[in-house]
Amino acid sequence: MKHETTPVYTKRGGMMCEGLRGWGKIIIVAIIFFTGFVSRQSNVLAEIDVQKDVYLFLHGRTDLHEKAVNALVSYGFSKEKITLAAPEKVGNVGDYMAMLWKPPEPDHIKLQQITKVEKTEPEKIKGLWKGVIREDRDSIPLDLQKR
């Protein structure tokens, strides 16, 4: 006895296997999502120039200084390029600000790139950094096990 199967036809007249119809859509969506995710990740990494200077803001958490520097070095920045931020000296356009975030109990570093430096009168806490315009670039976990 010969077992015959009948093909499934779509509204357009094309043949489609019943079992693959649902899974095919799921696989296509997964591929599109994964491709977009990988593309975004590589774009973020391509935008970060680890040869630039990094100004580290501890927000009073001097106990996390070494941990923050180690996280930045692990990310790819040179230890020599990491400077503790001071209110009287700001970075240049293209340099980075690395801030322990979110005070008072930071769990990651917010990496921002300086896009513009405006002349300003120093402010009490921010100093000359008051005139620095920046854009978020990435987030770096302080706990290196989470990477």
C-alpha atoms as a PDB file:
ATOM      1  CA  MET A   1       0.000   0.000   0.000  1.00  0.00           C
ATOM      2  CA  LYS A   2       1.375   3.333  -1.039  1.00  0.00           C
ATOM      3  CA  HIS A   3       0.977   6.284   1.353  1.00  0.00           C
ATOM      4  CA  GLU A   4       0.157   9.510  -0.430  1.00  0.00           C
ATOM      5  CA  THR A   5       0.356  13.006   0.965  1.00  0.00           C
ATOM      6  CA  THR A   6      -1.484  15.944  -0.424  1.00  0.00           C
ATOM      7  CA  PRO A   7       0.325  19.249  -0.687  1.00  0.00           C
ATOM      8  CA  VAL A   8      -0.988  22.352   1.069  1.00  0.00           C
ATOM      9  CA  TYR A   9      -1.632  25.272  -1.234  1.00  0.00           C
ATOM     10  CA  THR A  10      -1.524  28.913  -0.191  1.00  0.00           C
ATOM     11  CA  LYS A  11      -4.003  31.533  -1.356  1.00  0.00           C
ATOM     12  CA  ARG A  12      -1.552  32.527  -4.066  1.00  0.00           C
ATOM     13  CA  GLY A  13      -1.468  29.018  -5.420  1.00  0.00           C
ATOM     14  CA  GLY A  14       2.016  28.138  -4.203  1.00  0.00           C
ATOM     15  CA  MET A  15       2.771  24.928  -2.342  1.00  0.00           C
ATOM     16  CA  MET A  16       3.815  25.046   1.311  1.00  0.00           C
ATOM     17  CA  CYS A  17       4.504  22.318   3.833  1.00  0.00           C
ATOM     18  CA  GLU A  18       2.041  22.564   6.735  1.00  0.00           C
ATOM     19  CA  GLY A  19       4.565  21.786   9.461  1.00  0.00           C
ATOM     20  CA  LEU A  20       7.074  24.398   8.366  1.00  0.00           C
ATOM     21  CA  ARG A  21       4.641  27.265   7.989  1.00  0.00           C
ATOM     22  CA  GLY A  22       4.656  28.260  11.688  1.00  0.00           C
ATOM     23  CA  TRP A  23       8.272  27.369  12.362  1.00  0.00           C
ATOM     24  CA  GLY A  24       9.418  29.162   9.225  1.00  0.00           C
ATOM     25  CA  LYS A  25       7.984  32.446  10.472  1.00  0.00           C
ATOM     26  CA  ILE A  26       9.567  31.995  13.874  1.00  0.00           C
ATOM     27  CA  ILE A  27      12.950  31.197  12.343  1.00  0.00           C
ATOM     28  CA  ILE A  28      12.792  34.194   9.998  1.00  0.00           C
ATOM     29  CA  VAL A  29      11.888  36.562  12.856  1.00  0.00           C
ATOM     30  CA  ALA A  30      14.715  35.108  14.987  1.00  0.00           C
ATOM     31  CA  ILE A  31      17.239  35.574  12.172  1.00  0.00           C
ATOM     32  CA  ILE A  32      16.140  39.173  11.596  1.00  0.00           C
ATOM     33  CA  PHE A  33      16.321  39.935  15.330  1.00  0.00           C
ATOM     34  CA  PHE A  34      19.737  38.308  15.746  1.00  0.00           C
ATOM     35  CA  THR A  35      21.149  40.076  12.675  1.00  0.00           C
ATOM     36  CA  GLY A  36      19.923  43.435  13.955  1.00  0.00           C
ATOM     37  CA  PHE A  37      21.291  42.786  17.453  1.00  0.00           C
ATOM     38  CA  VAL A  38      24.737  41.772  16.190  1.00  0.00           C
ATOM     39  CA  SER A  39      24.800  44.738  13.819  1.00  0.00           C
ATOM     40  CA  ARG A  40      23.973  47.165  16.642  1.00  0.00           C
ATOM     41  CA  GLN A  41      26.619  45.648  18.924  1.00  0.00           C
ATOM     42  CA  SER A  42      29.337  45.885  16.271  1.00  0.00           C
ATOM     43  CA  ASN A  43      28.321  49.490  15.509  1.00  0.00           C
ATOM     44  CA  VAL A  44      28.627  50.428  19.194  1.00  0.00           C
ATOM     45  CA  LEU A  45      32.053  48.832  19.438  1.00  0.00           C
ATOM     46  CA  ALA A  46      33.144  50.405  16.154  1.00  0.00           C
ATOM     47  CA  GLU A  47      32.181  53.839  17.481  1.00  0.00           C
ATOM     48  CA  ILE A  48      34.311  53.526  20.637  1.00  0.00           C
ATOM     49  CA  ASP A  49      37.888  54.677  20.091  1.00  0.00           C
ATOM     50  CA  VAL A  50      39.809  53.140  22.984  1.00  0.00           C
ATOM     51  CA  GLN A  51      42.858  55.258  22.078  1.00  0.00           C
ATOM     52  CA  LYS A  52      41.106  58.422  23.339  1.00  0.00           C
ATOM     53  CA  ASP A  53      41.408  59.860  26.845  1.00  0.00           C
ATOM     54  CA  VAL A  54      38.851  58.812  29.457  1.00  0.00           C
ATOM     55  CA  TYR A  55      37.849  61.032  32.384  1.00  0.00           C
ATOM     56  CA  LEU A  56      36.622  58.961  35.308  1.00  0.00           C
ATOM     57  CA  PHE A  57      33.919  60.352  37.617  1.00  0.00           C
ATOM     58  CA  LEU A  58      33.684  58.451  40.905  1.00  0.00           C
ATOM     59  CA  HIS A  59      30.861  60.547  42.444  1.00  0.00           C
ATOM     60  CA  GLY A  60      32.517  60.266  45.833  1.00  0.00           C
ATOM     61  CA  ARG A  61      33.031  56.495  45.639  1.00  0.00           C
ATOM     62  CA  THR A  62      36.826  56.454  45.910  1.00  0.00           C
ATOM     63  CA  ASP A  63      36.539  52.875  47.207  1.00  0.00           C
ATOM     64  CA  LEU A  64      35.536  51.841  43.659  1.00  0.00           C
ATOM     65  CA  HIS A  65      38.418  53.614  41.886  1.00  0.00           C
ATOM     66  CA  GLU A  66      40.511  50.497  41.240  1.00  0.00           C
ATOM     67  CA  LYS A  67      37.461  48.415  40.268  1.00  0.00           C
ATOM     68  CA  ALA A  68      36.371  51.112  37.769  1.00  0.00           C
ATOM     69  CA  VAL A  69      39.840  51.401  36.232  1.00  0.00           C
ATOM     70  CA  ASN A  70      40.048  47.605  35.893  1.00  0.00           C
ATOM     71  CA  ALA A  71      36.639  47.525  34.164  1.00  0.00           C
ATOM     72  CA  LEU A  72      37.741  50.238  31.701  1.00  0.00           C
ATOM     73  CA  VAL A  73      41.036  48.436  31.006  1.00  0.00           C
ATOM     74  CA  SER A  74      39.131  45.195  30.495  1.00  0.00           C
ATOM     75  CA  TYR A  75      36.907  47.077  28.022  1.00  0.00           C
ATOM     76  CA  GLY A  76      40.015  48.022  26.013  1.00  0.00           C
ATOM     77  CA  PHE A  77      41.155  51.423  27.279  1.00  0.00           C
ATOM     78  CA  SER A  78      44.787  51.904  28.231  1.00  0.00           C
ATOM     79  CA  LYS A  79      45.391  52.562  31.942  1.00  0.00           C
ATOM     80  CA  GLU A  80      47.564  55.538  30.967  1.00  0.00           C
ATOM     81  CA  LYS A  81      44.603  57.146  29.154  1.00  0.00           C
ATOM     82  CA  ILE A  82      42.321  57.009  32.230  1.00  0.00           C
ATOM     83  CA  THR A  83      42.369  60.208  34.290  1.00  0.00           C
ATOM     84  CA  LEU A  84      40.425  60.975  37.440  1.00  0.00           C
ATOM     85  CA  ALA A  85      38.127  63.858  36.472  1.00  0.00           C
ATOM     86  CA  ALA A  86      38.793  67.222  38.102  1.00  0.00           C
ATOM     87  CA  PRO A  87      36.458  70.246  38.044  1.00  0.00           C
ATOM     88  CA  GLU A  88      39.122  72.603  36.681  1.00  0.00           C
ATOM     89  CA  LYS A  89      40.152  70.559  33.602  1.00  0.00           C
ATOM     90  CA  VAL A  90      37.786  69.160  30.991  1.00  0.00           C
ATOM     91  CA  GLY A  91      38.408  66.799  28.105  1.00  0.00           C
ATOM     92  CA  ASN A  92      38.302  67.513  24.388  1.00  0.00           C
ATOM     93  CA  VAL A  93      35.708  66.687  21.769  1.00  0.00           C
ATOM     94  CA  GLY A  94      35.984  62.958  21.042  1.00  0.00           C
ATOM     95  CA  ASP A  95      37.279  62.048  24.507  1.00  0.00           C
ATOM     96  CA  TYR A  96      35.153  60.009  26.908  1.00  0.00           C
ATOM     97  CA  MET A  97      33.560  60.493  30.295  1.00  0.00           C
ATOM     98  CA  ALA A  98      33.216  57.356  32.395  1.00  0.00           C
ATOM     99  CA  MET A  99      30.817  57.823  35.290  1.00  0.00           C
ATOM    100  CA  LEU A 100      30.059  55.378  38.067  1.00  0.00           C
ATOM    101  CA  TRP A 101      26.331  54.988  37.733  1.00  0.00           C
ATOM    102  CA  LYS A 102      23.905  55.345  39.407  1.00  0.00           C
ATOM    103  CA  PRO A 103      24.972  57.098  42.618  1.00  0.00           C
ATOM    104  CA  PRO A 104      25.031  56.433  45.498  1.00  0.00           C
ATOM    105  CA  GLU A 105      25.276  52.648  44.813  1.00  0.00           C
ATOM    106  CA  PRO A 106      26.717  52.294  41.291  1.00  0.00           C
ATOM    107  CA  ASP A 107      26.694  48.919  39.542  1.00  0.00           C
ATOM    108  CA  HIS A 108      28.039  49.992  36.154  1.00  0.00           C
ATOM    109  CA  ILE A 109      29.974  52.678  34.320  1.00  0.00           C
ATOM    110  CA  LYS A 110      28.109  54.963  31.956  1.00  0.00           C
ATOM    111  CA  LEU A 111      30.452  55.671  29.045  1.00  0.00           C
ATOM    112  CA  GLN A 112      29.760  58.974  27.292  1.00  0.00           C
ATOM    113  CA  GLN A 113      31.569  60.722  24.453  1.00  0.00           C
ATOM    114  CA  ILE A 114      32.229  64.449  24.564  1.00  0.00           C
ATOM    115  CA  THR A 115      30.571  66.063  21.535  1.00  0.00           C
ATOM    116  CA  LYS A 116      31.014  69.746  22.371  1.00  0.00           C
ATOM    117  CA  VAL A 117      32.850  71.882  24.924  1.00  0.00           C
ATOM    118  CA  GLU A 118      31.332  75.293  25.603  1.00  0.00           C
ATOM    119  CA  LYS A 119      33.085  78.066  27.502  1.00  0.00           C
ATOM    120  CA  THR A 120      31.413  78.556  30.841  1.00  0.00           C
ATOM    121  CA  GLU A 121      31.976  79.890  34.320  1.00  0.00           C
ATOM    122  CA  PRO A 122      32.836  77.081  36.705  1.00  0.00           C
ATOM    123  CA  GLU A 123      29.964  75.785  38.811  1.00  0.00           C
ATOM    124  CA  LYS A 124      30.413  74.815  42.452  1.00  0.00           C
ATOM    125  CA  ILE A 125      30.286  71.018  42.036  1.00  0.00           C
ATOM    126  CA  LYS A 126      30.585  70.448  38.273  1.00  0.00           C
ATOM    127  CA  GLY A 127      33.275  73.040  37.699  1.00  0.00           C
ATOM    128  CA  LEU A 128      34.090  73.532  34.006  1.00  0.00           C
ATOM    129  CA  TRP A 129      32.363  70.234  33.153  1.00  0.00           C
ATOM    130  CA  LYS A 130      29.139  72.268  33.243  1.00  0.00           C
ATOM    131  CA  GLY A 131      29.878  73.309  29.646  1.00  0.00           C
ATOM    132  CA  VAL A 132      30.522  69.800  28.313  1.00  0.00           C
ATOM    133  CA  ILE A 133      27.910  68.307  25.965  1.00  0.00           C
ATOM    134  CA  ARG A 134      28.039  64.525  25.691  1.00  0.00           C
ATOM    135  CA  GLU A 135      26.251  61.485  24.291  1.00  0.00           C
ATOM    136  CA  ASP A 136      25.792  58.072  25.892  1.00  0.00           C
ATOM    137  CA  ARG A 137      27.856  55.419  24.100  1.00  0.00           C
ATOM    138  CA  ASP A 138      27.876  52.277  26.213  1.00  0.00           C
ATOM    139  CA  SER A 139      27.467  50.747  29.640  1.00  0.00           C
ATOM    140  CA  ILE A 140      30.214  48.741  31.328  1.00  0.00           C
ATOM    141  CA  PRO A 141      29.404  46.521  34.330  1.00  0.00           C
ATOM    142  CA  LEU A 142      31.565  47.063  37.389  1.00  0.00           C
ATOM    143  CA  ASP A 143      31.278  43.370  38.178  1.00  0.00           C
ATOM    144  CA  LEU A 144      33.398  41.861  35.423  1.00  0.00           C
ATOM    145  CA  GLN A 145      31.644  38.510  35.896  1.00  0.00           C
ATOM    146  CA  LYS A 146      28.486  40.016  34.310  1.00  0.00           C
ATOM    147  CA  ARG A 147      30.143  40.767  30.963  1.00  0.00           C
END
